[in-house]
Amino acid sequence: MKSSAKNDELFQASHITILFTYSIFSVILTMEAFLMSWERWPLVIICGGVIFCWFLHVQQKIPENYRLVIYSVMIMFTFFYYGSHQTSVFDTATVMGVVMVLYTMTGIPSLITFLQIVYYFTFAYGIVSMILDGQAFDSLVISRAVLHLAAITTVSIVARKVISKWHIVLNSSRDEIEKLTDATDRLNDFLANVSHEIRTPVNAVIGLTGICMDHEDDPDKLSSLKAVRNAGRRVAEQVSDILDYSEIDRANLVNNCEDYMISSVLNDLVTQLR
């Protein structure tokens, strides 16, 4: 259960990180679009997508995996808009590399593959646009193109390997946690059974000591019987504490809410210390 909780926290952190990065990238892209006089209509979809994604994250009515798919589609639309312009063709590798690193936090290899395919498509679209515009392709441009493709391919492979290793470690940790949990449960059961077995003769000793005290007039013997009874009560309290600890560890302890007097609590504490 603790491992699952940690996974959920990491998944939520990846959602927030991706949304923050998407929002910042959209703002920067909007400013660049106005400076470079790019077409404006996709900006309406991009800004609306950012607002819509944050709305889904706040509401959390849609399952997490479906929300992540929606985020990815909107981010890739924004990425394609950025990479479809010739001035940004060779800048998309850096942006996609950062996006892939962020998506590694999600632990979903298929999303890494989706990002990789979108990059190939966007890069190919930009190259075709450059060819249609009659731009010359020398050895430097070709080498840069090959280098960028190789870089994204390498990043995607490494990201999937990291996710695979991460899942192996998590599964191994989950198995170890289950084994430790089973061992703890067996230990708690053993302590509970032993405590019950001990408490029965201890209660008998306390009860019989009280009966003997009622029929004893010798001060020395009465003092000894009181010592035996007090010792038995301390043992009974220790046994009760062991039972409470085992119940707490197994999350079976129920809180009892009722009024109490602080003076009574202090009196019990002083008596116990004495």
C-alpha atoms as a PDB file:
ATOM      1  CA  MET A   1       0.000   0.000   0.000  1.00  0.00           C
ATOM      2  CA  LYS A   2       2.852   2.376   0.789  1.00  0.00           C
ATOM      3  CA  SER A   3       4.488   1.575  -2.539  1.00  0.00           C
ATOM      4  CA  SER A   4       1.212   2.254  -4.341  1.00  0.00           C
ATOM      5  CA  ALA A   5       0.852   5.564  -2.515  1.00  0.00           C
ATOM      6  CA  LYS A   6       4.338   6.589  -3.572  1.00  0.00           C
ATOM      7  CA  ASN A   7       3.537   5.669  -7.170  1.00  0.00           C
ATOM      8  CA  ASP A   8       0.409   7.830  -7.044  1.00  0.00           C
ATOM      9  CA  GLU A   9       2.386  10.754  -5.660  1.00  0.00           C
ATOM     10  CA  LEU A  10       4.978  10.419  -8.409  1.00  0.00           C
ATOM     11  CA  PHE A  11       2.236  10.163 -11.028  1.00  0.00           C
ATOM     12  CA  GLN A  12       0.561  13.318  -9.716  1.00  0.00           C
ATOM     13  CA  ALA A  13       3.924  15.102  -9.668  1.00  0.00           C
ATOM     14  CA  SER A  14       4.505  14.154 -13.308  1.00  0.00           C
ATOM     15  CA  HIS A  15       1.077  15.556 -14.232  1.00  0.00           C
ATOM     16  CA  ILE A  16       1.771  18.901 -12.566  1.00  0.00           C
ATOM     17  CA  THR A  17       5.293  19.128 -14.011  1.00  0.00           C
ATOM     18  CA  ILE A  18       4.046  18.406 -17.520  1.00  0.00           C
ATOM     19  CA  LEU A  19       1.227  20.949 -17.219  1.00  0.00           C
ATOM     20  CA  PHE A  20       3.538  23.668 -15.896  1.00  0.00           C
ATOM     21  CA  THR A  21       6.032  23.012 -18.684  1.00  0.00           C
ATOM     22  CA  TYR A  22       3.221  23.001 -21.257  1.00  0.00           C
ATOM     23  CA  SER A  23       1.899  26.322 -19.945  1.00  0.00           C
ATOM     24  CA  ILE A  24       5.318  28.010 -19.979  1.00  0.00           C
ATOM     25  CA  PHE A  25       6.097  26.669 -23.452  1.00  0.00           C
ATOM     26  CA  SER A  26       2.732  27.906 -24.734  1.00  0.00           C
ATOM     27  CA  VAL A  27       3.347  31.405 -23.384  1.00  0.00           C
ATOM     28  CA  ILE A  28       6.804  31.565 -24.978  1.00  0.00           C
ATOM     29  CA  LEU A  29       5.440  30.161 -28.232  1.00  0.00           C
ATOM     30  CA  THR A  30       2.662  32.763 -28.289  1.00  0.00           C
ATOM     31  CA  MET A  31       5.174  35.598 -27.924  1.00  0.00           C
ATOM     32  CA  GLU A  32       7.385  34.101 -30.637  1.00  0.00           C
ATOM     33  CA  ALA A  33       4.381  33.715 -32.950  1.00  0.00           C
ATOM     34  CA  PHE A  34       3.605  37.430 -32.648  1.00  0.00           C
ATOM     35  CA  LEU A  35       7.247  38.398 -33.143  1.00  0.00           C
ATOM     36  CA  MET A  36       7.695  36.122 -36.170  1.00  0.00           C
ATOM     37  CA  SER A  37       4.252  36.970 -37.652  1.00  0.00           C
ATOM     38  CA  TRP A  38       3.153  33.338 -37.733  1.00  0.00           C
ATOM     39  CA  GLU A  39      -0.460  32.356 -38.323  1.00  0.00           C
ATOM     40  CA  ARG A  40      -2.564  33.249 -35.302  1.00  0.00           C
ATOM     41  CA  TRP A  41      -5.529  30.852 -35.397  1.00  0.00           C
ATOM     42  CA  PRO A  42      -3.617  27.881 -33.837  1.00  0.00           C
ATOM     43  CA  LEU A  43      -2.850  30.103 -30.850  1.00  0.00           C
ATOM     44  CA  VAL A  44      -6.550  30.083 -29.934  1.00  0.00           C
ATOM     45  CA  ILE A  45      -6.499  26.268 -29.814  1.00  0.00           C
ATOM     46  CA  ILE A  46      -3.239  26.257 -27.876  1.00  0.00           C
ATOM     47  CA  CYS A  47      -4.420  28.726 -25.218  1.00  0.00           C
ATOM     48  CA  GLY A  48      -7.777  26.970 -24.964  1.00  0.00           C
ATOM     49  CA  GLY A  49      -5.960  23.640 -24.620  1.00  0.00           C
ATOM     50  CA  VAL A  50      -3.887  24.922 -21.712  1.00  0.00           C
ATOM     51  CA  ILE A  51      -6.996  26.144 -19.898  1.00  0.00           C
ATOM     52  CA  PHE A  52      -8.856  22.919 -20.663  1.00  0.00           C
ATOM     53  CA  CYS A  53      -5.987  20.721 -19.415  1.00  0.00           C
ATOM     54  CA  TRP A  54      -5.730  22.615 -16.139  1.00  0.00           C
ATOM     55  CA  PHE A  55      -9.504  22.376 -15.762  1.00  0.00           C
ATOM     56  CA  LEU A  56      -9.327  18.595 -16.147  1.00  0.00           C
ATOM     57  CA  HIS A  57      -6.500  18.410 -13.644  1.00  0.00           C
ATOM     58  CA  VAL A  58      -8.386  20.445 -11.048  1.00  0.00           C
ATOM     59  CA  GLN A  59     -11.665  18.574 -11.525  1.00  0.00           C
ATOM     60  CA  GLN A  60     -10.029  15.109 -11.709  1.00  0.00           C
ATOM     61  CA  LYS A  61     -13.278  13.527 -12.845  1.00  0.00           C
ATOM     62  CA  ILE A  62     -11.579  11.731 -15.745  1.00  0.00           C
ATOM     63  CA  PRO A  63      -9.171   8.853 -14.954  1.00  0.00           C
ATOM     64  CA  GLU A  64      -5.514   9.824 -14.782  1.00  0.00           C
ATOM     65  CA  ASN A  65      -4.396   7.856 -17.835  1.00  0.00           C
ATOM     66  CA  TYR A  66      -7.091   9.420 -20.028  1.00  0.00           C
ATOM     67  CA  ARG A  67      -6.190  12.883 -18.787  1.00  0.00           C
ATOM     68  CA  LEU A  68      -2.553  12.239 -19.614  1.00  0.00           C
ATOM     69  CA  VAL A  69      -3.492  11.219 -23.150  1.00  0.00           C
ATOM     70  CA  ILE A  70      -5.429  14.474 -23.576  1.00  0.00           C
ATOM     71  CA  TYR A  71      -2.460  16.462 -22.269  1.00  0.00           C
ATOM     72  CA  SER A  72      -0.167  14.649 -24.695  1.00  0.00           C
ATOM     73  CA  VAL A  73      -2.385  15.340 -27.719  1.00  0.00           C
ATOM     74  CA  MET A  74      -2.584  19.052 -26.899  1.00  0.00           C
ATOM     75  CA  ILE A  75       1.162  19.273 -26.258  1.00  0.00           C
ATOM     76  CA  MET A  76       1.947  17.540 -29.522  1.00  0.00           C
ATOM     77  CA  PHE A  77      -0.382  19.910 -31.396  1.00  0.00           C
ATOM     78  CA  THR A  78       1.554  22.803 -29.886  1.00  0.00           C
ATOM     79  CA  PHE A  79       4.842  21.113 -30.758  1.00  0.00           C
ATOM     80  CA  PHE A  80       3.768  20.559 -34.369  1.00  0.00           C
ATOM     81  CA  TYR A  81       2.756  24.200 -34.685  1.00  0.00           C
ATOM     82  CA  TYR A  82       6.189  25.210 -33.438  1.00  0.00           C
ATOM     83  CA  GLY A  83       8.125  22.747 -35.589  1.00  0.00           C
ATOM     84  CA  SER A  84       6.149  23.302 -38.792  1.00  0.00           C
ATOM     85  CA  HIS A  85       7.914  26.633 -39.373  1.00  0.00           C
ATOM     86  CA  GLN A  86      11.215  26.509 -41.171  1.00  0.00           C
ATOM     87  CA  THR A  87      12.963  28.693 -38.611  1.00  0.00           C
ATOM     88  CA  SER A  88      12.254  26.093 -35.921  1.00  0.00           C
ATOM     89  CA  VAL A  89      12.934  22.844 -37.741  1.00  0.00           C
ATOM     90  CA  PHE A  90      16.342  22.282 -36.161  1.00  0.00           C
ATOM     91  CA  ASP A  91      15.233  23.538 -32.750  1.00  0.00           C
ATOM     92  CA  THR A  92      12.577  20.882 -32.235  1.00  0.00           C
ATOM     93  CA  ALA A  93      15.094  18.214 -31.184  1.00  0.00           C
ATOM     94  CA  THR A  94      15.987  20.100 -28.009  1.00  0.00           C
ATOM     95  CA  VAL A  95      12.331  20.727 -27.152  1.00  0.00           C
ATOM     96  CA  MET A  96      11.334  17.126 -27.776  1.00  0.00           C
ATOM     97  CA  GLY A  97      14.289  15.862 -25.747  1.00  0.00           C
ATOM     98  CA  VAL A  98      13.092  17.863 -22.741  1.00  0.00           C
ATOM     99  CA  VAL A  99       9.513  16.651 -23.239  1.00  0.00           C
ATOM    100  CA  MET A 100      10.658  13.018 -23.361  1.00  0.00           C
ATOM    101  CA  VAL A 101      12.614  13.429 -20.143  1.00  0.00           C
ATOM    102  CA  LEU A 102       9.507  14.842 -18.459  1.00  0.00           C
ATOM    103  CA  TYR A 103       7.339  12.014 -19.773  1.00  0.00           C
ATOM    104  CA  THR A 104       9.746   9.467 -18.339  1.00  0.00           C
ATOM    105  CA  MET A 105       8.229  10.388 -14.955  1.00  0.00           C
ATOM    106  CA  THR A 106       4.877   8.992 -16.081  1.00  0.00           C
ATOM    107  CA  GLY A 107       6.276   5.487 -16.417  1.00  0.00           C
ATOM    108  CA  ILE A 108       4.337   4.829 -19.659  1.00  0.00           C
ATOM    109  CA  PRO A 109       6.598   3.655 -22.539  1.00  0.00           C
ATOM    110  CA  SER A 110       3.836   4.005 -25.153  1.00  0.00           C
ATOM    111  CA  LEU A 111       3.740   7.769 -24.591  1.00  0.00           C
ATOM    112  CA  ILE A 112       7.466   7.977 -25.307  1.00  0.00           C
ATOM    113  CA  THR A 113       6.854   6.142 -28.583  1.00  0.00           C
ATOM    114  CA  PHE A 114       4.000   8.530 -29.392  1.00  0.00           C
ATOM    115  CA  LEU A 115       6.276  11.538 -28.817  1.00  0.00           C
ATOM    116  CA  GLN A 116       8.957   9.963 -30.990  1.00  0.00           C
ATOM    117  CA  ILE A 117       6.547   9.410 -33.879  1.00  0.00           C
ATOM    118  CA  VAL A 118       5.221  12.962 -33.631  1.00  0.00           C
ATOM    119  CA  TYR A 119       8.770  14.307 -33.749  1.00  0.00           C
ATOM    120  CA  TYR A 120       9.590  12.290 -36.867  1.00  0.00           C
ATOM    121  CA  PHE A 121       6.414  13.523 -38.554  1.00  0.00           C
ATOM    122  CA  THR A 122       7.022  17.161 -37.563  1.00  0.00           C
ATOM    123  CA  PHE A 123      10.660  17.053 -38.628  1.00  0.00           C
ATOM    124  CA  ALA A 124       9.763  15.450 -41.944  1.00  0.00           C
ATOM    125  CA  TYR A 125       7.095  18.112 -42.525  1.00  0.00           C
ATOM    126  CA  GLY A 126       9.639  20.850 -41.872  1.00  0.00           C
ATOM    127  CA  ILE A 127      12.202  19.290 -44.208  1.00  0.00           C
ATOM    128  CA  VAL A 128       9.619  18.895 -46.981  1.00  0.00           C
ATOM    129  CA  SER A 129       8.606  22.538 -46.542  1.00  0.00           C
ATOM    130  CA  MET A 130      12.243  23.588 -46.887  1.00  0.00           C
ATOM    131  CA  ILE A 131      12.613  21.498 -50.058  1.00  0.00           C
ATOM    132  CA  LEU A 132       9.454  22.957 -51.588  1.00  0.00           C
ATOM    133  CA  ASP A 133      10.745  26.461 -50.864  1.00  0.00           C
ATOM    134  CA  GLY A 134      13.875  25.657 -52.827  1.00  0.00           C
ATOM    135  CA  GLN A 135      16.356  25.819 -49.994  1.00  0.00           C
ATOM    136  CA  ALA A 136      19.701  24.218 -50.722  1.00  0.00           C
ATOM    137  CA  PHE A 137      20.662  21.108 -48.777  1.00  0.00           C
ATOM    138  CA  ASP A 138      24.405  20.958 -48.298  1.00  0.00           C
ATOM    139  CA  SER A 139      26.397  18.477 -46.250  1.00  0.00           C
ATOM    140  CA  LEU A 140      26.009  20.580 -43.083  1.00  0.00           C
ATOM    141  CA  VAL A 141      22.210  20.570 -43.254  1.00  0.00           C
ATOM    142  CA  ILE A 142      22.124  16.843 -43.958  1.00  0.00           C
ATOM    143  CA  SER A 143      24.520  16.049 -41.103  1.00  0.00           C
ATOM    144  CA  ARG A 144      22.468  18.213 -38.707  1.00  0.00           C
ATOM    145  CA  ALA A 145      19.296  16.419 -39.745  1.00  0.00           C
ATOM    146  CA  VAL A 146      20.861  12.986 -39.204  1.00  0.00           C
ATOM    147  CA  LEU A 147      22.318  14.092 -35.863  1.00  0.00           C
ATOM    148  CA  HIS A 148      18.953  15.370 -34.603  1.00  0.00           C
ATOM    149  CA  LEU A 149      17.144  12.215 -35.667  1.00  0.00           C
ATOM    150  CA  ALA A 150      19.791  10.072 -34.007  1.00  0.00           C
ATOM    151  CA  ALA A 151      19.617  12.175 -30.824  1.00  0.00           C
ATOM    152  CA  ILE A 152      15.851  11.842 -30.469  1.00  0.00           C
ATOM    153  CA  THR A 153      16.023   8.137 -31.241  1.00  0.00           C
ATOM    154  CA  THR A 154      18.676   7.687 -28.562  1.00  0.00           C
ATOM    155  CA  VAL A 155      16.719   9.712 -25.994  1.00  0.00           C
ATOM    156  CA  SER A 156      13.564   7.693 -26.665  1.00  0.00           C
ATOM    157  CA  ILE A 157      15.427   4.390 -26.283  1.00  0.00           C
ATOM    158  CA  VAL A 158      17.057   5.526 -23.039  1.00  0.00           C
ATOM    159  CA  ALA A 159      13.704   6.794 -21.718  1.00  0.00           C
ATOM    160  CA  ARG A 160      12.022   3.458 -22.387  1.00  0.00           C
ATOM    161  CA  LYS A 161      14.946   1.604 -20.776  1.00  0.00           C
ATOM    162  CA  VAL A 162      14.697   3.808 -17.687  1.00  0.00           C
ATOM    163  CA  ILE A 163      10.964   3.158 -17.438  1.00  0.00           C
ATOM    164  CA  SER A 164      11.527  -0.585 -17.847  1.00  0.00           C
ATOM    165  CA  LYS A 165      14.177  -0.662 -15.098  1.00  0.00           C
ATOM    166  CA  TRP A 166      11.956   1.496 -12.915  1.00  0.00           C
ATOM    167  CA  HIS A 167       9.070  -0.977 -13.240  1.00  0.00           C
ATOM    168  CA  ILE A 168      11.393  -3.875 -12.397  1.00  0.00           C
ATOM    169  CA  VAL A 169      12.598  -2.113  -9.248  1.00  0.00           C
ATOM    170  CA  LEU A 170       9.054  -1.196  -8.224  1.00  0.00           C
ATOM    171  CA  ASN A 171       7.798  -4.748  -8.718  1.00  0.00           C
ATOM    172  CA  SER A 172      10.731  -6.115  -6.726  1.00  0.00           C
ATOM    173  CA  SER A 173      10.097  -3.589  -3.949  1.00  0.00           C
ATOM    174  CA  ARG A 174       6.406  -4.456  -3.947  1.00  0.00           C
ATOM    175  CA  ASP A 175       7.225  -8.151  -3.494  1.00  0.00           C
ATOM    176  CA  GLU A 176       9.588  -7.366  -0.622  1.00  0.00           C
ATOM    177  CA  ILE A 177       6.977  -5.150   1.028  1.00  0.00           C
ATOM    178  CA  GLU A 178       4.375  -7.910   0.759  1.00  0.00           C
ATOM    179  CA  LYS A 179       6.776 -10.401   2.360  1.00  0.00           C
ATOM    180  CA  LEU A 180       7.575  -7.995   5.195  1.00  0.00           C
ATOM    181  CA  THR A 181       3.885  -7.269   5.667  1.00  0.00           C
ATOM    182  CA  ASP A 182       3.085 -10.964   5.913  1.00  0.00           C
ATOM    183  CA  ALA A 183       5.898 -11.473   8.425  1.00  0.00           C
ATOM    184  CA  THR A 184       4.661  -8.522  10.495  1.00  0.00           C
ATOM    185  CA  ASP A 185       1.109  -9.855  10.459  1.00  0.00           C
ATOM    186  CA  ARG A 186       2.268 -13.274  11.638  1.00  0.00           C
ATOM    187  CA  LEU A 187       4.324 -11.658  14.411  1.00  0.00           C
ATOM    188  CA  ASN A 188       1.342  -9.568  15.515  1.00  0.00           C
ATOM    189  CA  ASP A 189      -0.878 -12.641  15.553  1.00  0.00           C
ATOM    190  CA  PHE A 190       1.703 -14.487  17.642  1.00  0.00           C
ATOM    191  CA  LEU A 191       1.988 -11.617  20.132  1.00  0.00           C
ATOM    192  CA  ALA A 192      -1.787 -11.303  20.383  1.00  0.00           C
ATOM    193  CA  ASN A 193      -2.226 -15.036  21.048  1.00  0.00           C
ATOM    194  CA  VAL A 194       0.601 -15.158  23.575  1.00  0.00           C
ATOM    195  CA  SER A 195      -0.737 -12.036  25.319  1.00  0.00           C
ATOM    196  CA  HIS A 196      -4.170 -13.581  25.646  1.00  0.00           C
ATOM    197  CA  GLU A 197      -2.677 -16.781  27.062  1.00  0.00           C
ATOM    198  CA  ILE A 198      -0.586 -14.834  29.593  1.00  0.00           C
ATOM    199  CA  ARG A 199      -3.380 -12.511  30.645  1.00  0.00           C
ATOM    200  CA  THR A 200      -5.613 -15.386  31.787  1.00  0.00           C
ATOM    201  CA  PRO A 201      -3.269 -16.756  34.515  1.00  0.00           C
ATOM    202  CA  VAL A 202      -2.219 -13.214  35.482  1.00  0.00           C
ATOM    203  CA  ASN A 203      -5.862 -12.284  36.101  1.00  0.00           C
ATOM    204  CA  ALA A 204      -6.223 -15.457  38.163  1.00  0.00           C
ATOM    205  CA  VAL A 205      -3.185 -14.478  40.260  1.00  0.00           C
ATOM    206  CA  ILE A 206      -4.579 -10.981  40.837  1.00  0.00           C
ATOM    207  CA  GLY A 207      -8.012 -12.311  41.781  1.00  0.00           C
ATOM    208  CA  LEU A 208      -6.712 -15.002  44.129  1.00  0.00           C
ATOM    209  CA  THR A 209      -4.333 -12.502  45.734  1.00  0.00           C
ATOM    210  CA  GLY A 210      -7.247 -10.178  46.422  1.00  0.00           C
ATOM    211  CA  ILE A 211      -9.180 -13.030  48.046  1.00  0.00           C
ATOM    212  CA  CYS A 212      -6.191 -13.910  50.224  1.00  0.00           C
ATOM    213  CA  MET A 213      -5.857 -10.256  51.247  1.00  0.00           C
ATOM    214  CA  ASP A 214      -9.463 -10.227  52.416  1.00  0.00           C
ATOM    215  CA  HIS A 215      -8.748 -13.140  54.792  1.00  0.00           C
ATOM    216  CA  GLU A 216      -5.307 -12.075  55.973  1.00  0.00           C
ATOM    217  CA  ASP A 217      -4.707 -10.081  59.159  1.00  0.00           C
ATOM    218  CA  ASP A 218      -0.942 -10.370  59.445  1.00  0.00           C
ATOM    219  CA  PRO A 219       0.536  -6.990  58.342  1.00  0.00           C
ATOM    220  CA  ASP A 220       3.718  -8.552  56.900  1.00  0.00           C
ATOM    221  CA  LYS A 221       1.829 -11.122  54.847  1.00  0.00           C
ATOM    222  CA  LEU A 222      -0.701  -8.487  53.798  1.00  0.00           C
ATOM    223  CA  SER A 223       2.112  -6.262  52.571  1.00  0.00           C
ATOM    224  CA  SER A 224       3.599  -9.150  50.587  1.00  0.00           C
ATOM    225  CA  LEU A 225       0.211  -9.962  49.055  1.00  0.00           C
ATOM    226  CA  LYS A 226      -0.229  -6.323  48.043  1.00  0.00           C
ATOM    227  CA  ALA A 227       3.171  -6.414  46.343  1.00  0.00           C
ATOM    228  CA  VAL A 228       2.155  -9.579  44.463  1.00  0.00           C
ATOM    229  CA  ARG A 229      -1.151  -8.011  43.417  1.00  0.00           C
ATOM    230  CA  ASN A 230       0.540  -4.786  42.252  1.00  0.00           C
ATOM    231  CA  ALA A 231       3.115  -6.771  40.296  1.00  0.00           C
ATOM    232  CA  GLY A 232       0.322  -8.769  38.670  1.00  0.00           C
ATOM    233  CA  ARG A 233      -1.486  -5.587  37.729  1.00  0.00           C
ATOM    234  CA  ARG A 234       1.676  -4.192  36.127  1.00  0.00           C
ATOM    235  CA  VAL A 235       2.101  -7.393  34.135  1.00  0.00           C
ATOM    236  CA  ALA A 236      -1.552  -7.190  33.056  1.00  0.00           C
ATOM    237  CA  GLU A 237      -1.033  -3.592  31.914  1.00  0.00           C
ATOM    238  CA  GLN A 238       2.053  -4.581  29.915  1.00  0.00           C
ATOM    239  CA  VAL A 239       0.097  -7.383  28.270  1.00  0.00           C
ATOM    240  CA  SER A 240      -2.698  -4.926  27.461  1.00  0.00           C
ATOM    241  CA  ASP A 241      -0.134  -2.554  25.921  1.00  0.00           C
ATOM    242  CA  ILE A 242       1.213  -5.359  23.737  1.00  0.00           C
ATOM    243  CA  LEU A 243      -2.309  -6.085  22.508  1.00  0.00           C
ATOM    244  CA  ASP A 244      -2.858  -2.384  21.767  1.00  0.00           C
ATOM    245  CA  TYR A 245       0.432  -2.160  19.830  1.00  0.00           C
ATOM    246  CA  SER A 246      -0.479  -5.183  17.728  1.00  0.00           C
ATOM    247  CA  GLU A 247      -3.917  -3.728  17.026  1.00  0.00           C
ATOM    248  CA  ILE A 248      -2.369  -0.382  16.027  1.00  0.00           C
ATOM    249  CA  ASP A 249       0.120  -2.102  13.716  1.00  0.00           C
ATOM    250  CA  ARG A 250      -2.711  -3.986  12.016  1.00  0.00           C
ATOM    251  CA  ALA A 251      -4.826  -0.789  11.826  1.00  0.00           C
ATOM    252  CA  ASN A 252      -7.624  -2.456  13.800  1.00  0.00           C
ATOM    253  CA  LEU A 253      -7.642  -0.081  16.758  1.00  0.00           C
ATOM    254  CA  VAL A 254     -10.798   2.016  17.074  1.00  0.00           C
ATOM    255  CA  ASN A 255     -10.666   5.423  18.689  1.00  0.00           C
ATOM    256  CA  ASN A 256     -13.133   5.985  21.494  1.00  0.00           C
ATOM    257  CA  CYS A 257     -14.069   9.665  21.733  1.00  0.00           C
ATOM    258  CA  GLU A 258     -15.547  10.666  25.084  1.00  0.00           C
ATOM    259  CA  ASP A 259     -15.287  13.422  27.685  1.00  0.00           C
ATOM    260  CA  TYR A 260     -12.640  13.131  30.368  1.00  0.00           C
ATOM    261  CA  MET A 261     -11.274  15.098  33.301  1.00  0.00           C
ATOM    262  CA  ILE A 262      -7.669  16.215  33.081  1.00  0.00           C
ATOM    263  CA  SER A 263      -7.316  15.872  36.849  1.00  0.00           C
ATOM    264  CA  SER A 264      -8.278  12.199  36.579  1.00  0.00           C
ATOM    265  CA  VAL A 265      -5.694  11.653  33.847  1.00  0.00           C
ATOM    266  CA  LEU A 266      -2.987  13.309  35.975  1.00  0.00           C
ATOM    267  CA  ASN A 267      -3.977  11.248  38.988  1.00  0.00           C
ATOM    268  CA  ASP A 268      -3.721   8.028  36.976  1.00  0.00           C
ATOM    269  CA  LEU A 269      -0.335   9.111  35.645  1.00  0.00           C
ATOM    270  CA  VAL A 270       1.032   9.894  39.115  1.00  0.00           C
ATOM    271  CA  THR A 271      -0.315   6.623  40.455  1.00  0.00           C
ATOM    272  CA  GLN A 272       1.310   4.697  37.614  1.00  0.00           C
ATOM    273  CA  LEU A 273       4.655   6.387  38.180  1.00  0.00           C
ATOM    274  CA  ARG A 274       4.535   5.590  41.881  1.00  0.00           C
END
